Amino acid sequence: MKQHTFEQSHQQQWNTLERWLDKIAQQKPIGQEITQLPQLYRQVCQHLALARDRHYTPHLIARLNRLVLRGHQCLYQTPIRLFSQIINFIRSYFPQQVRQEWRLVSLASLLFFGSAGIVFVGIQNHPDLIYSVLTAAQVHEIEAMYDPQKERWGYNREAESDFLMFGYYIRNNISIDFQAFAGGILFGLGSLFFLLFNGIYLGCVAGHLTHMGYGVPFYAFIAGHSALELMALVLAGAAGLNLGMALIAPGRLTRLQALRCAATDSIRLIYGVAGMTLLAAVIEAFWSSNAAIEPLIKYIVGNLFWLILMSYFLLAGRYRAT
């Protein structure tokens, strides 16, 4: 058989195998087709043997050899260690997904930070506005948390155990992130609500404490972990909005199919959100609450974290064209 005829007969199989292997390498699902992968791999092995036996061009033999090597690695070699998968996710997949969803991330940021900013300004001009959102008891509790005379700042610091507070922060922050994400199943309305609600709450607290003169302990407390914690909430909200958009505008797919496709992309954001929330809780429990650290140092570290995080989202996972 001539090489041209041989290539025409089997080109579709080679392209299919190459496409599946690319998806597996990128950790993308290929559905039920995965069951056909071993059979297709064996067929390509036969094609490579025939190409060598018939002395086809080195270019064709090299391509088939690459496919066989990749297929062998996928099917028979030891699976990639979990640690390597995590490193690849952090290095490439997570920031790439954030950039891919930049429109929803921008919308979520506007809803959260915009509402916080508006309420903050409003309370500076009308301090009693805080009582439209919080009760007098809640306001008193917040004031006690950030009293400049306290040795440690933040929630329930009478517990005195940083490790216990770490557990508290994990539970509290993950529950907020989950609400912002899962609320997307209500056609995005739940995500909208939780982004706005948490933005308004943040604006109330920041505005009231600033107006009272408690700004130093409050801003020194949130500086270190704010980049990770607040952006985790924004990304969780963006993931939820992605689910909502799939239900509102499924296109040619059914709503269930569109939801499944959106969930595949959103779950990558949620994996990253979980990691950010975990790291933020560590910083919040063991660094942010320590009043012995100079506020200026906390401000510098906090700004550095914001710079690193924004640079990571903008630059990580980009590859130069070869």
Protein backbone atom coordinates (compact mmCIF):
# COMPACT_ATOMS: atom_id res chain seq x y z
CA MET A 1 0.00 0.00 0.00
CA LYS A 2 1.31 3.45 -0.90
CA GLN A 3 1.99 5.86 1.95
CA HIS A 4 -0.59 8.40 0.72
CA THR A 5 -3.34 5.78 0.76
CA PHE A 6 -2.16 4.49 4.14
CA GLU A 7 -2.33 7.98 5.64
CA GLN A 8 -5.77 8.69 4.19
CA SER A 9 -7.10 5.39 5.58
CA HIS A 10 -5.91 5.97 9.15
CA GLN A 11 -5.58 9.74 9.56
CA GLN A 12 -8.87 10.04 11.44
CA GLN A 13 -7.79 7.43 14.00
CA TRP A 14 -4.49 9.19 14.62
CA ASN A 15 -6.20 12.56 15.02
CA THR A 16 -8.73 11.06 17.42
CA LEU A 17 -6.05 9.46 19.59
CA GLU A 18 -4.04 12.68 19.60
CA ARG A 19 -7.10 14.69 20.62
CA TRP A 20 -7.94 12.31 23.47
CA LEU A 21 -4.37 12.29 24.75
CA ASP A 22 -4.33 16.11 24.70
CA LYS A 23 -7.52 16.21 26.77
CA ILE A 24 -6.12 13.72 29.28
CA ALA A 25 -2.90 15.74 29.57
CA GLN A 26 -4.98 18.88 30.25
CA GLN A 27 -7.16 16.96 32.75
CA LYS A 28 -10.26 17.51 30.64
CA PRO A 29 -12.99 14.83 30.54
CA ILE A 30 -13.42 12.77 27.33
CA GLY A 31 -16.57 10.95 28.43
CA GLN A 32 -17.39 7.36 27.52
CA GLU A 33 -14.81 7.46 24.74
CA ILE A 34 -12.17 6.62 27.35
CA THR A 35 -13.21 2.96 27.09
CA GLN A 36 -12.12 2.92 23.43
CA LEU A 37 -8.66 4.31 24.17
CA PRO A 38 -6.84 0.95 24.66
CA GLN A 39 -8.19 -0.46 21.39
CA LEU A 40 -7.29 2.68 19.44
CA TYR A 41 -3.82 2.65 21.02
CA ARG A 42 -3.23 -0.94 19.86
CA GLN A 43 -4.33 -0.04 16.34
CA VAL A 44 -1.85 2.83 16.19
CA CYS A 45 0.88 0.47 17.42
CA GLN A 46 0.10 -1.77 14.45
CA HIS A 47 0.20 1.23 12.12
CA LEU A 48 3.65 2.16 13.46
CA ALA A 49 4.93 -1.39 12.86
CA LEU A 50 3.58 -1.36 9.30
CA ALA A 51 5.06 2.09 8.60
CA ARG A 52 8.48 0.91 9.73
CA ASP A 53 8.24 -2.35 7.79
CA ARG A 54 7.25 -0.54 4.59
CA HIS A 55 9.91 2.15 5.06
CA TYR A 56 7.51 5.07 4.97
CA THR A 57 8.91 8.59 5.44
CA PRO A 58 10.68 9.43 8.72
CA HIS A 59 8.15 12.22 9.33
CA LEU A 60 5.22 9.78 9.44
CA ILE A 61 7.14 7.23 11.52
CA ALA A 62 8.14 9.94 14.01
CA ARG A 63 4.54 11.11 14.39
CA LEU A 64 3.24 7.58 14.98
CA ASN A 65 6.08 6.90 17.40
CA ARG A 66 5.15 9.98 19.43
CA LEU A 67 1.52 8.86 19.59
CA VAL A 68 2.53 5.38 20.71
CA LEU A 69 4.84 6.73 23.40
CA ARG A 70 2.17 9.10 24.73
CA GLY A 71 -0.45 6.35 24.66
CA HIS A 72 1.87 3.97 26.50
CA GLN A 73 2.59 6.58 29.14
CA CYS A 74 -1.12 7.21 29.59
CA LEU A 75 -2.13 3.55 29.81
CA TYR A 76 0.75 1.69 31.42
CA GLN A 77 3.11 3.95 33.32
CA THR A 78 2.63 4.91 36.96
CA PRO A 79 0.00 7.64 37.28
CA ILE A 80 1.25 11.14 37.91
CA ARG A 81 1.62 11.72 41.61
CA LEU A 82 -0.94 13.85 43.34
CA PHE A 83 1.74 16.36 44.27
CA SER A 84 2.68 16.86 40.61
CA GLN A 85 -0.96 17.33 39.67
CA ILE A 86 -1.36 19.96 42.37
CA ILE A 87 1.77 21.78 41.21
CA ASN A 88 0.53 21.78 37.59
CA PHE A 89 -2.86 23.06 38.71
CA ILE A 90 -1.32 25.91 40.71
CA ARG A 91 1.25 26.75 38.05
CA SER A 92 -1.01 26.68 34.99
CA TYR A 93 -4.59 25.47 35.09
CA PHE A 94 -5.96 27.70 37.85
CA PRO A 95 -4.68 31.09 36.60
CA GLN A 96 -5.61 30.10 33.04
CA GLN A 97 -9.17 29.40 34.17
CA VAL A 98 -9.36 32.74 36.00
CA ARG A 99 -8.29 34.56 32.83
CA GLN A 100 -10.72 32.53 30.73
CA GLU A 101 -13.59 33.65 32.97
CA TRP A 102 -12.38 37.26 33.21
CA ARG A 103 -15.77 38.72 32.35
CA LEU A 104 -17.55 36.94 35.19
CA VAL A 105 -14.62 37.58 37.55
CA SER A 106 -14.82 41.29 36.70
CA LEU A 107 -18.58 41.32 37.29
CA ALA A 108 -18.21 39.52 40.63
CA SER A 109 -15.46 41.96 41.66
CA LEU A 110 -17.65 44.93 40.77
CA LEU A 111 -20.60 43.57 42.74
CA PHE A 112 -18.54 42.77 45.84
CA PHE A 113 -15.99 45.59 46.02
CA GLY A 114 -18.37 48.13 44.48
CA SER A 115 -21.07 47.54 47.07
CA ALA A 116 -18.47 47.61 49.86
CA GLY A 117 -17.09 50.93 48.63
CA ILE A 118 -20.50 52.57 48.30
CA VAL A 119 -21.58 51.53 51.81
CA PHE A 120 -18.21 52.59 53.27
CA VAL A 121 -18.60 56.11 51.87
CA GLY A 122 -22.23 56.26 52.98
CA ILE A 123 -21.37 55.43 56.59
CA GLN A 124 -18.68 58.12 56.72
CA ASN A 125 -21.40 60.67 55.90
CA HIS A 126 -24.26 58.99 57.81
CA PRO A 127 -22.85 56.78 60.63
CA ASP A 128 -26.26 55.53 61.74
CA LEU A 129 -26.67 53.68 58.44
CA ILE A 130 -24.87 50.73 59.97
CA TYR A 131 -27.91 49.99 62.11
CA SER A 132 -29.91 49.40 58.93
CA VAL A 133 -27.76 46.31 58.34
CA LEU A 134 -26.50 45.24 61.79
CA THR A 135 -28.14 45.17 65.20
CA ALA A 136 -26.78 47.16 68.12
CA ALA A 137 -25.48 43.93 69.69
CA GLN A 138 -23.60 43.01 66.51
CA VAL A 139 -22.08 46.48 66.29
CA HIS A 140 -20.94 46.26 69.91
CA GLU A 141 -19.38 42.84 69.27
CA ILE A 142 -17.47 44.18 66.26
CA GLU A 143 -16.19 47.12 68.27
CA ALA A 144 -14.96 44.73 70.99
CA MET A 145 -13.12 42.59 68.42
CA TYR A 146 -11.02 45.52 67.21
CA ASP A 147 -10.53 47.45 70.41
CA PRO A 148 -7.01 48.98 70.11
CA GLN A 149 -6.32 47.94 73.72
CA LYS A 150 -6.71 44.22 73.05
CA GLU A 151 -3.66 41.99 72.69
CA ARG A 152 -5.22 39.95 69.90
CA TRP A 153 -7.77 41.01 67.29
CA GLY A 154 -10.48 39.20 65.38
CA TYR A 155 -13.32 36.80 66.06
CA ASN A 156 -13.75 35.29 69.51
CA ARG A 157 -10.15 35.89 70.49
CA GLU A 158 -10.95 35.06 74.10
CA ALA A 159 -10.44 31.44 72.98
CA GLU A 160 -6.69 32.27 72.89
CA SER A 161 -5.91 29.21 70.78
CA ASP A 162 -4.63 30.10 67.32
CA PHE A 163 -5.24 26.55 66.15
CA LEU A 164 -8.88 26.64 67.25
CA MET A 165 -9.30 29.98 65.53
CA PHE A 166 -7.77 28.48 62.38
CA GLY A 167 -10.55 25.87 62.41
CA TYR A 168 -13.14 28.58 62.96
CA TYR A 169 -11.87 30.67 60.05
CA ILE A 170 -11.82 27.63 57.75
CA ARG A 171 -15.43 26.75 58.58
CA ASN A 172 -16.67 30.32 58.35
CA ASN A 173 -14.91 31.27 55.11
CA ILE A 174 -15.60 28.03 53.27
CA SER A 175 -19.29 28.30 54.15
CA ILE A 176 -19.38 31.82 52.69
CA ASP A 177 -17.56 30.73 49.52
CA PHE A 178 -19.85 27.73 49.12
CA GLN A 179 -22.94 29.91 49.43
CA ALA A 180 -21.62 32.25 46.73
CA PHE A 181 -20.90 29.29 44.43
CA ALA A 182 -23.92 27.07 45.08
CA GLY A 183 -26.25 30.07 44.82
CA GLY A 184 -25.53 30.08 41.10
CA ILE A 185 -27.86 27.11 40.66
CA LEU A 186 -30.74 29.56 41.23
CA PHE A 187 -30.10 31.09 37.80
CA GLY A 188 -27.27 33.14 39.29
CA LEU A 189 -29.51 35.03 41.72
CA GLY A 190 -28.03 33.34 44.79
CA SER A 191 -24.49 34.29 43.76
CA LEU A 192 -25.58 37.87 43.12
CA PHE A 193 -27.18 38.05 46.56
CA PHE A 194 -24.21 36.67 48.49
CA LEU A 195 -21.70 38.85 46.65
CA LEU A 196 -23.76 41.96 47.39
CA PHE A 197 -24.59 40.93 50.96
CA ASN A 198 -20.96 40.24 51.89
CA GLY A 199 -19.83 43.42 50.14
CA ILE A 200 -22.36 45.49 52.08
CA TYR A 201 -21.35 43.78 55.33
CA LEU A 202 -17.66 44.49 54.70
CA GLY A 203 -18.44 48.11 53.85
CA CYS A 204 -20.46 48.50 57.04
CA VAL A 205 -17.76 47.07 59.29
CA ALA A 206 -14.91 48.96 57.64
CA GLY A 207 -16.87 52.20 57.51
CA HIS A 208 -18.00 52.06 61.14
CA LEU A 209 -14.60 51.12 62.57
CA THR A 210 -12.90 53.81 60.50
CA HIS A 211 -15.41 56.41 61.69
CA MET A 212 -14.83 55.32 65.32
CA GLY A 213 -11.06 55.61 65.05
CA TYR A 214 -10.52 51.84 65.20
CA GLY A 215 -9.08 51.78 61.70
CA VAL A 216 -5.53 50.77 62.68
CA PRO A 217 -6.40 47.46 64.41
CA PHE A 218 -9.00 46.62 61.76
CA TYR A 219 -6.87 47.31 58.68
CA ALA A 220 -3.79 45.80 60.30
CA PHE A 221 -5.84 42.68 61.01
CA ILE A 222 -7.26 42.20 57.52
CA ALA A 223 -4.18 43.37 55.58
CA GLY A 224 -2.30 40.07 55.55
CA HIS A 225 -5.09 37.71 54.50
CA SER A 226 -7.44 40.07 52.63
CA ALA A 227 -6.02 39.37 49.16
CA LEU A 228 -6.56 35.61 49.42
CA GLU A 229 -9.81 35.67 51.39
CA LEU A 230 -11.62 38.38 49.43
CA MET A 231 -10.50 37.19 46.01
CA ALA A 232 -11.51 33.64 46.95
CA LEU A 233 -15.04 34.93 47.59
CA VAL A 234 -15.03 36.83 44.28
CA LEU A 235 -13.91 33.72 42.36
CA ALA A 236 -16.50 31.56 44.12
CA GLY A 237 -19.14 34.10 43.09
CA ALA A 238 -17.84 34.09 39.50
CA ALA A 239 -18.05 30.28 39.44
CA GLY A 240 -21.63 30.52 40.66
CA LEU A 241 -22.49 33.15 38.04
CA ASN A 242 -21.06 30.79 35.41
CA LEU A 243 -23.59 28.16 36.47
CA GLY A 244 -26.35 30.74 36.37
CA MET A 245 -25.41 31.88 32.85
CA ALA A 246 -25.50 28.29 31.63
CA LEU A 247 -29.08 27.98 32.89
CA ILE A 248 -30.19 31.34 31.55
CA ALA A 249 -28.59 31.03 28.10
CA PRO A 250 -27.86 27.36 27.34
CA GLY A 251 -27.62 27.99 23.60
CA ARG A 252 -28.26 24.87 21.51
CA LEU A 253 -27.73 22.60 24.51
CA THR A 254 -30.35 21.56 27.00
CA ARG A 255 -30.09 23.34 30.33
CA LEU A 256 -28.79 20.17 31.97
CA GLN A 257 -26.08 19.76 29.32
CA ALA A 258 -25.10 23.42 29.57
CA LEU A 259 -24.97 23.14 33.36
CA ARG A 260 -22.67 20.13 33.15
CA CYS A 261 -20.31 21.96 30.78
CA ALA A 262 -20.27 25.05 33.00
CA ALA A 263 -19.66 22.93 36.10
CA THR A 264 -16.54 21.44 34.50
CA ASP A 265 -15.02 24.93 34.17
CA SER A 266 -16.37 26.23 37.48
CA ILE A 267 -14.95 23.36 39.49
CA ARG A 268 -11.43 24.43 38.57
CA LEU A 269 -12.12 27.81 40.09
CA ILE A 270 -13.51 26.15 43.21
CA TYR A 271 -10.41 23.99 43.64
CA GLY A 272 -8.35 27.18 43.59
CA VAL A 273 -10.78 28.93 45.92
CA ALA A 274 -10.40 26.11 48.45
CA GLY A 275 -6.62 26.47 48.41
CA MET A 276 -6.77 30.24 48.75
CA THR A 277 -9.23 29.99 51.64
CA LEU A 278 -7.05 27.47 53.45
CA LEU A 279 -3.96 29.68 53.13
CA ALA A 280 -5.93 32.77 54.15
CA ALA A 281 -7.12 30.99 57.31
CA VAL A 282 -3.53 30.12 58.24
CA ILE A 283 -2.46 33.75 57.88
CA GLU A 284 -5.54 35.06 59.66
CA ALA A 285 -5.13 32.79 62.68
CA PHE A 286 -1.38 32.93 63.19
CA TRP A 287 -0.36 36.34 61.79
CA SER A 288 -3.22 38.79 61.35
CA SER A 289 -4.56 38.58 64.91
CA ASN A 290 -1.19 39.23 66.54
CA ALA A 291 -1.26 42.83 67.77
CA ALA A 292 2.43 42.67 68.70
CA ILE A 293 3.40 42.95 65.03
CA GLU A 294 3.74 46.55 63.89
CA PRO A 295 0.80 47.68 61.69
CA LEU A 296 3.22 49.09 59.12
CA ILE A 297 4.76 45.65 58.65
CA LYS A 298 1.31 44.14 58.20
CA TYR A 299 0.40 46.78 55.63
CA ILE A 300 3.57 46.11 53.65
CA VAL A 301 3.01 42.34 53.73
CA GLY A 302 -0.65 42.77 52.80
CA ASN A 303 0.13 44.98 49.80
CA LEU A 304 2.83 42.52 48.73
CA PHE A 305 0.28 39.69 48.81
CA TRP A 306 -2.10 41.71 46.62
CA LEU A 307 0.69 42.41 44.13
CA ILE A 308 1.78 38.77 44.01
CA LEU A 309 -1.79 37.49 43.65
CA MET A 310 -2.69 39.88 40.83
CA SER A 311 0.58 39.13 39.02
CA TYR A 312 -0.11 35.41 39.43
CA PHE A 313 -3.56 35.66 37.86
CA LEU A 314 -2.30 37.82 35.01
CA LEU A 315 0.98 36.09 34.16
CA ALA A 316 1.10 32.51 35.44
CA GLY A 317 0.43 29.72 32.97
CA ARG A 318 1.31 31.75 29.89
CA TYR A 319 3.55 30.01 27.37
CA ARG A 320 5.65 31.50 24.64
CA ALA A 321 4.84 30.39 21.12
CA THR A 322 7.45 28.07 19.64
